[in-house]
Structures are given as C-alpha cells and as structure tokens.
Amino acid sequence: MTDPVTRAAALLKEHRESIDRLDAILVYTLGERFKHTQAVGKLKAEHELPPSDPAREAAQIARLEDLAQQADLDPDFAKKFLSFIIQEVIKHHEQHQK
C-alpha cells in the first residue's frame, strides 16, 4: 500500500499528463481553425466583402455561450475567449484586404 503523498504525486502526474494532451489538442485545433479563417479572409478580399460580420460574430458568441453551459464552463470565459479569437481573425482578414 502506498502512502498518501506518493499516491497524490501519482495522481498529480496523471492530471498533468492529461492537461498536456489537452493543450496539444487546443493548439492543433486552433491551427486548423485559423487555416479556415485565412481562407475565408482571402475569399472576402477577392469579393470585396467586409473583414468582419457582426451578425455572424454575435451568433457565434451566443452559440459558444450555450456550448459552454453544456460543458460546465464559465460562459463569460468562453465569450472572452471567442471574442479574442474573432479579433485575431478580423486582423487577418484586414491584412488580406490590403
């Protein structure tokens, strides 16, 4: 039988390994997402469409807030996170407009 400190250290190691895997998933997922938003930015530039779409952005934020609630994640955090991503996407779209 292992002592509590050794058991806690083993559990901590397992949690950290899971966190590391999830961080990798987040990074690769964001990379894939930005590949698509870059393509959208080029398409918008080619067709002289505005770099931002406030109606789409509002719908996406509402959708993400709902998903966050389902996932037991703070909806305010999810909204801030998506807002940050949207601002980065708009910057990329504006670069394509130049």
N, C-alpha and C. Protein backbone atom coordinates (compact mmCIF):
# COMPACT_ATOMS: atom_id res chain seq x y z
N MET A 1 0.84 -1.18 0.00
CA MET A 1 0.00 0.00 0.00
C MET A 1 0.88 1.25 0.00
N THR A 2 0.57 2.20 -0.88
CA THR A 2 1.38 3.41 -0.98
C THR A 2 0.90 4.47 0.01
N ASP A 3 1.83 5.31 0.41
CA ASP A 3 1.46 6.37 1.34
C ASP A 3 0.70 7.47 0.60
N PRO A 4 -0.05 8.31 1.33
CA PRO A 4 -0.88 9.34 0.69
C PRO A 4 -0.09 10.33 -0.16
N VAL A 5 1.11 10.67 0.24
CA VAL A 5 1.91 11.63 -0.52
C VAL A 5 2.33 11.03 -1.86
N THR A 6 2.73 9.78 -1.86
CA THR A 6 3.11 9.11 -3.10
C THR A 6 1.90 8.97 -4.02
N ARG A 7 0.76 8.62 -3.45
CA ARG A 7 -0.47 8.49 -4.24
C ARG A 7 -0.87 9.84 -4.83
N ALA A 8 -0.77 10.90 -4.03
CA ALA A 8 -1.10 12.25 -4.52
C ALA A 8 -0.16 12.65 -5.64
N ALA A 9 1.12 12.32 -5.52
CA ALA A 9 2.09 12.64 -6.56
C ALA A 9 1.75 11.90 -7.85
N ALA A 10 1.31 10.66 -7.74
CA ALA A 10 0.94 9.88 -8.93
C ALA A 10 -0.30 10.47 -9.59
N LEU A 11 -1.29 10.86 -8.77
CA LEU A 11 -2.50 11.49 -9.32
C LEU A 11 -2.18 12.82 -9.99
N LEU A 12 -1.32 13.59 -9.37
CA LEU A 12 -0.90 14.87 -9.93
C LEU A 12 -0.24 14.67 -11.29
N LYS A 13 0.62 13.66 -11.39
CA LYS A 13 1.29 13.34 -12.65
C LYS A 13 0.27 12.98 -13.73
N GLU A 14 -0.73 12.18 -13.37
CA GLU A 14 -1.76 11.79 -14.33
C GLU A 14 -2.56 13.01 -14.81
N HIS A 15 -2.93 13.88 -13.88
CA HIS A 15 -3.67 15.09 -14.27
C HIS A 15 -2.83 15.97 -15.19
N ARG A 16 -1.58 16.12 -14.87
CA ARG A 16 -0.72 16.96 -15.71
C ARG A 16 -0.52 16.37 -17.09
N GLU A 17 -0.42 15.06 -17.18
CA GLU A 17 -0.29 14.42 -18.49
C GLU A 17 -1.56 14.66 -19.32
N SER A 18 -2.72 14.59 -18.68
CA SER A 18 -3.98 14.87 -19.37
C SER A 18 -4.03 16.32 -19.82
N ILE A 19 -3.62 17.23 -18.95
CA ILE A 19 -3.60 18.65 -19.29
C ILE A 19 -2.68 18.89 -20.49
N ASP A 20 -1.52 18.25 -20.51
CA ASP A 20 -0.59 18.42 -21.63
C ASP A 20 -1.20 17.92 -22.94
N ARG A 21 -1.89 16.79 -22.89
CA ARG A 21 -2.56 16.27 -24.10
C ARG A 21 -3.64 17.24 -24.57
N LEU A 22 -4.42 17.75 -23.63
CA LEU A 22 -5.48 18.69 -23.99
C LEU A 22 -4.93 20.00 -24.54
N ASP A 23 -3.81 20.46 -23.98
CA ASP A 23 -3.17 21.66 -24.53
C ASP A 23 -2.75 21.44 -25.98
N ALA A 24 -2.22 20.27 -26.27
CA ALA A 24 -1.83 19.96 -27.66
C ALA A 24 -3.06 19.95 -28.57
N ILE A 25 -4.14 19.37 -28.09
CA ILE A 25 -5.38 19.35 -28.87
C ILE A 25 -5.86 20.77 -29.14
N LEU A 26 -5.82 21.63 -28.12
CA LEU A 26 -6.24 23.02 -28.30
C LEU A 26 -5.39 23.73 -29.34
N VAL A 27 -4.08 23.56 -29.27
CA VAL A 27 -3.18 24.23 -30.21
C VAL A 27 -3.43 23.76 -31.63
N TYR A 28 -3.52 22.46 -31.83
CA TYR A 28 -3.75 21.94 -33.18
C TYR A 28 -5.14 22.33 -33.69
N THR A 29 -6.12 22.36 -32.81
CA THR A 29 -7.47 22.76 -33.20
C THR A 29 -7.50 24.23 -33.60
N LEU A 30 -6.83 25.07 -32.83
CA LEU A 30 -6.75 26.49 -33.19
C LEU A 30 -6.01 26.67 -34.52
N GLY A 31 -4.96 25.90 -34.73
CA GLY A 31 -4.24 25.96 -36.00
C GLY A 31 -5.15 25.62 -37.17
N GLU A 32 -5.94 24.59 -37.01
CA GLU A 32 -6.88 24.18 -38.08
C GLU A 32 -7.95 25.25 -38.28
N ARG A 33 -8.44 25.81 -37.19
CA ARG A 33 -9.46 26.86 -37.28
C ARG A 33 -8.92 28.06 -38.04
N PHE A 34 -7.69 28.48 -37.73
CA PHE A 34 -7.12 29.63 -38.40
C PHE A 34 -6.81 29.37 -39.87
N LYS A 35 -6.54 28.13 -40.25
CA LYS A 35 -6.39 27.81 -41.67
C LYS A 35 -7.69 28.12 -42.41
N HIS A 36 -8.81 27.76 -41.81
CA HIS A 36 -10.10 28.03 -42.44
C HIS A 36 -10.42 29.52 -42.44
N THR A 37 -10.12 30.20 -41.36
CA THR A 37 -10.43 31.63 -41.32
C THR A 37 -9.53 32.41 -42.28
N GLN A 38 -8.31 31.92 -42.50
CA GLN A 38 -7.44 32.56 -43.50
C GLN A 38 -8.07 32.41 -44.89
N ALA A 39 -8.59 31.23 -45.17
CA ALA A 39 -9.25 31.01 -46.47
C ALA A 39 -10.47 31.92 -46.60
N VAL A 40 -11.22 32.09 -45.51
CA VAL A 40 -12.38 32.98 -45.53
C VAL A 40 -11.92 34.42 -45.80
N GLY A 41 -10.83 34.83 -45.15
CA GLY A 41 -10.30 36.18 -45.36
C GLY A 41 -9.92 36.43 -46.80
N LYS A 42 -9.27 35.46 -47.43
CA LYS A 42 -8.90 35.59 -48.84
C LYS A 42 -10.14 35.68 -49.73
N LEU A 43 -11.11 34.85 -49.42
CA LEU A 43 -12.36 34.86 -50.19
C LEU A 43 -13.07 36.21 -50.05
N LYS A 44 -13.12 36.72 -48.83
CA LYS A 44 -13.75 38.03 -48.61
C LYS A 44 -13.01 39.12 -49.38
N ALA A 45 -11.69 39.07 -49.35
CA ALA A 45 -10.90 40.08 -50.06
C ALA A 45 -11.14 40.01 -51.56
N GLU A 46 -11.17 38.79 -52.10
CA GLU A 46 -11.39 38.62 -53.55
C GLU A 46 -12.74 39.15 -53.99
N HIS A 47 -13.72 39.09 -53.10
CA HIS A 47 -15.08 39.51 -53.45
C HIS A 47 -15.47 40.83 -52.79
N GLU A 48 -14.45 41.52 -52.27
CA GLU A 48 -14.63 42.84 -51.65
C GLU A 48 -15.72 42.84 -50.58
N LEU A 49 -15.71 41.81 -49.76
CA LEU A 49 -16.62 41.73 -48.63
C LEU A 49 -15.93 42.30 -47.39
N PRO A 50 -16.69 42.84 -46.45
CA PRO A 50 -16.06 43.42 -45.26
C PRO A 50 -15.35 42.35 -44.43
N PRO A 51 -14.25 42.74 -43.76
CA PRO A 51 -13.50 41.76 -42.98
C PRO A 51 -14.25 41.23 -41.76
N SER A 52 -15.20 42.00 -41.25
CA SER A 52 -15.96 41.49 -40.11
C SER A 52 -17.43 41.34 -40.48
N ASP A 53 -18.09 40.45 -39.74
CA ASP A 53 -19.51 40.18 -39.95
C ASP A 53 -20.16 40.16 -38.57
N PRO A 54 -20.59 41.35 -38.10
CA PRO A 54 -21.11 41.45 -36.73
C PRO A 54 -22.26 40.49 -36.42
N ALA A 55 -23.14 40.23 -37.37
CA ALA A 55 -24.25 39.30 -37.13
C ALA A 55 -23.72 37.89 -36.90
N ARG A 56 -22.78 37.46 -37.73
CA ARG A 56 -22.17 36.13 -37.57
C ARG A 56 -21.42 36.04 -36.25
N GLU A 57 -20.69 37.10 -35.90
CA GLU A 57 -19.92 37.10 -34.66
C GLU A 57 -20.86 36.98 -33.45
N ALA A 58 -21.96 37.72 -33.46
CA ALA A 58 -22.92 37.65 -32.35
C ALA A 58 -23.53 36.26 -32.25
N ALA A 59 -23.85 35.67 -33.39
CA ALA A 59 -24.41 34.31 -33.39
C ALA A 59 -23.41 33.30 -32.85
N GLN A 60 -22.15 33.46 -33.24
CA GLN A 60 -21.11 32.54 -32.78
C GLN A 60 -20.90 32.67 -31.27
N ILE A 61 -20.92 33.90 -30.76
CA ILE A 61 -20.74 34.10 -29.33
C ILE A 61 -21.90 33.48 -28.56
N ALA A 62 -23.12 33.68 -29.04
CA ALA A 62 -24.29 33.08 -28.38
C ALA A 62 -24.19 31.55 -28.42
N ARG A 63 -23.78 31.02 -29.55
CA ARG A 63 -23.62 29.57 -29.70
C ARG A 63 -22.58 29.04 -28.73
N LEU A 64 -21.45 29.74 -28.63
CA LEU A 64 -20.38 29.29 -27.75
C LEU A 64 -20.79 29.40 -26.28
N GLU A 65 -21.53 30.44 -25.93
CA GLU A 65 -22.02 30.55 -24.55
C GLU A 65 -22.92 29.36 -24.20
N ASP A 66 -23.76 28.96 -25.14
CA ASP A 66 -24.63 27.81 -24.92
C ASP A 66 -23.80 26.53 -24.78
N LEU A 67 -22.82 26.35 -25.65
CA LEU A 67 -21.94 25.18 -25.56
C LEU A 67 -21.19 25.18 -24.23
N ALA A 68 -20.75 26.35 -23.80
CA ALA A 68 -20.01 26.45 -22.53
C ALA A 68 -20.89 25.99 -21.37
N GLN A 69 -22.13 26.42 -21.37
CA GLN A 69 -23.04 25.99 -20.30
C GLN A 69 -23.22 24.48 -20.31
N GLN A 70 -23.34 23.91 -21.51
CA GLN A 70 -23.49 22.45 -21.63
C GLN A 70 -22.24 21.74 -21.13
N ALA A 71 -21.08 22.36 -21.33
CA ALA A 71 -19.80 21.76 -20.94
C ALA A 71 -19.40 22.11 -19.51
N ASP A 72 -20.26 22.82 -18.81
CA ASP A 72 -19.97 23.25 -17.44
C ASP A 72 -18.73 24.14 -17.39
N LEU A 73 -18.64 25.04 -18.38
CA LEU A 73 -17.56 26.01 -18.47
C LEU A 73 -18.17 27.39 -18.29
N ASP A 74 -17.48 28.27 -17.62
CA ASP A 74 -17.98 29.62 -17.38
C ASP A 74 -18.29 30.30 -18.72
N PRO A 75 -19.56 30.64 -18.99
CA PRO A 75 -19.92 31.27 -20.27
C PRO A 75 -19.21 32.60 -20.50
N ASP A 76 -18.95 33.35 -19.43
CA ASP A 76 -18.22 34.62 -19.60
C ASP A 76 -16.80 34.37 -20.09
N PHE A 77 -16.16 33.34 -19.55
CA PHE A 77 -14.82 32.98 -20.02
C PHE A 77 -14.88 32.57 -21.49
N ALA A 78 -15.85 31.75 -21.85
CA ALA A 78 -15.99 31.30 -23.24
C ALA A 78 -16.21 32.49 -24.16
N LYS A 79 -17.02 33.43 -23.73
CA LYS A 79 -17.29 34.62 -24.55
C LYS A 79 -16.01 35.44 -24.74
N LYS A 80 -15.25 35.64 -23.68
CA LYS A 80 -13.99 36.39 -23.78
C LYS A 80 -13.01 35.66 -24.70
N PHE A 81 -12.95 34.35 -24.57
CA PHE A 81 -12.04 33.55 -25.39
C PHE A 81 -12.40 33.67 -26.86
N LEU A 82 -13.68 33.51 -27.20
CA LEU A 82 -14.10 33.61 -28.60
C LEU A 82 -13.93 35.03 -29.11
N SER A 83 -14.21 36.02 -28.28
CA SER A 83 -14.04 37.41 -28.71
C SER A 83 -12.59 37.68 -29.07
N PHE A 84 -11.67 37.14 -28.29
CA PHE A 84 -10.24 37.29 -28.59
C PHE A 84 -9.92 36.64 -29.94
N ILE A 85 -10.41 35.45 -30.16
CA ILE A 85 -10.15 34.75 -31.42
C ILE A 85 -10.75 35.53 -32.59
N ILE A 86 -11.96 36.03 -32.43
CA ILE A 86 -12.61 36.79 -33.50
C ILE A 86 -11.79 38.03 -33.85
N GLN A 87 -11.27 38.72 -32.84
CA GLN A 87 -10.46 39.91 -33.11
C GLN A 87 -9.20 39.55 -33.90
N GLU A 88 -8.59 38.42 -33.58
CA GLU A 88 -7.42 37.96 -34.34
C GLU A 88 -7.81 37.64 -35.78
N VAL A 89 -8.94 37.00 -35.96
CA VAL A 89 -9.41 36.65 -37.31
C VAL A 89 -9.67 37.92 -38.11
N ILE A 90 -10.31 38.90 -37.51
CA ILE A 90 -10.58 40.16 -38.21
C ILE A 90 -9.28 40.84 -38.62
N LYS A 91 -8.27 40.80 -37.74
CA LYS A 91 -6.96 41.38 -38.11
C LYS A 91 -6.39 40.68 -39.33
N HIS A 92 -6.51 39.36 -39.36
CA HIS A 92 -6.01 38.61 -40.52
C HIS A 92 -6.81 38.98 -41.77
N HIS A 93 -8.12 39.10 -41.63
CA HIS A 93 -8.96 39.46 -42.78
C HIS A 93 -8.60 40.85 -43.28
N GLU A 94 -8.36 41.76 -42.37
CA GLU A 94 -7.97 43.12 -42.78
C GLU A 94 -6.65 43.12 -43.53
N GLN A 95 -5.73 42.25 -43.15
CA GLN A 95 -4.45 42.14 -43.85
C GLN A 95 -4.66 41.68 -45.29
N HIS A 96 -5.63 40.81 -45.51
CA HIS A 96 -5.92 40.34 -46.87
C HIS A 96 -6.54 41.44 -47.72
N GLN A 97 -7.18 42.41 -47.07
CA GLN A 97 -7.84 43.50 -47.79
C GLN A 97 -6.82 44.47 -48.38
N LYS A 98 -5.61 44.47 -47.84
CA LYS A 98 -4.60 45.44 -48.28
C LYS A 98 -3.94 45.07 -49.58
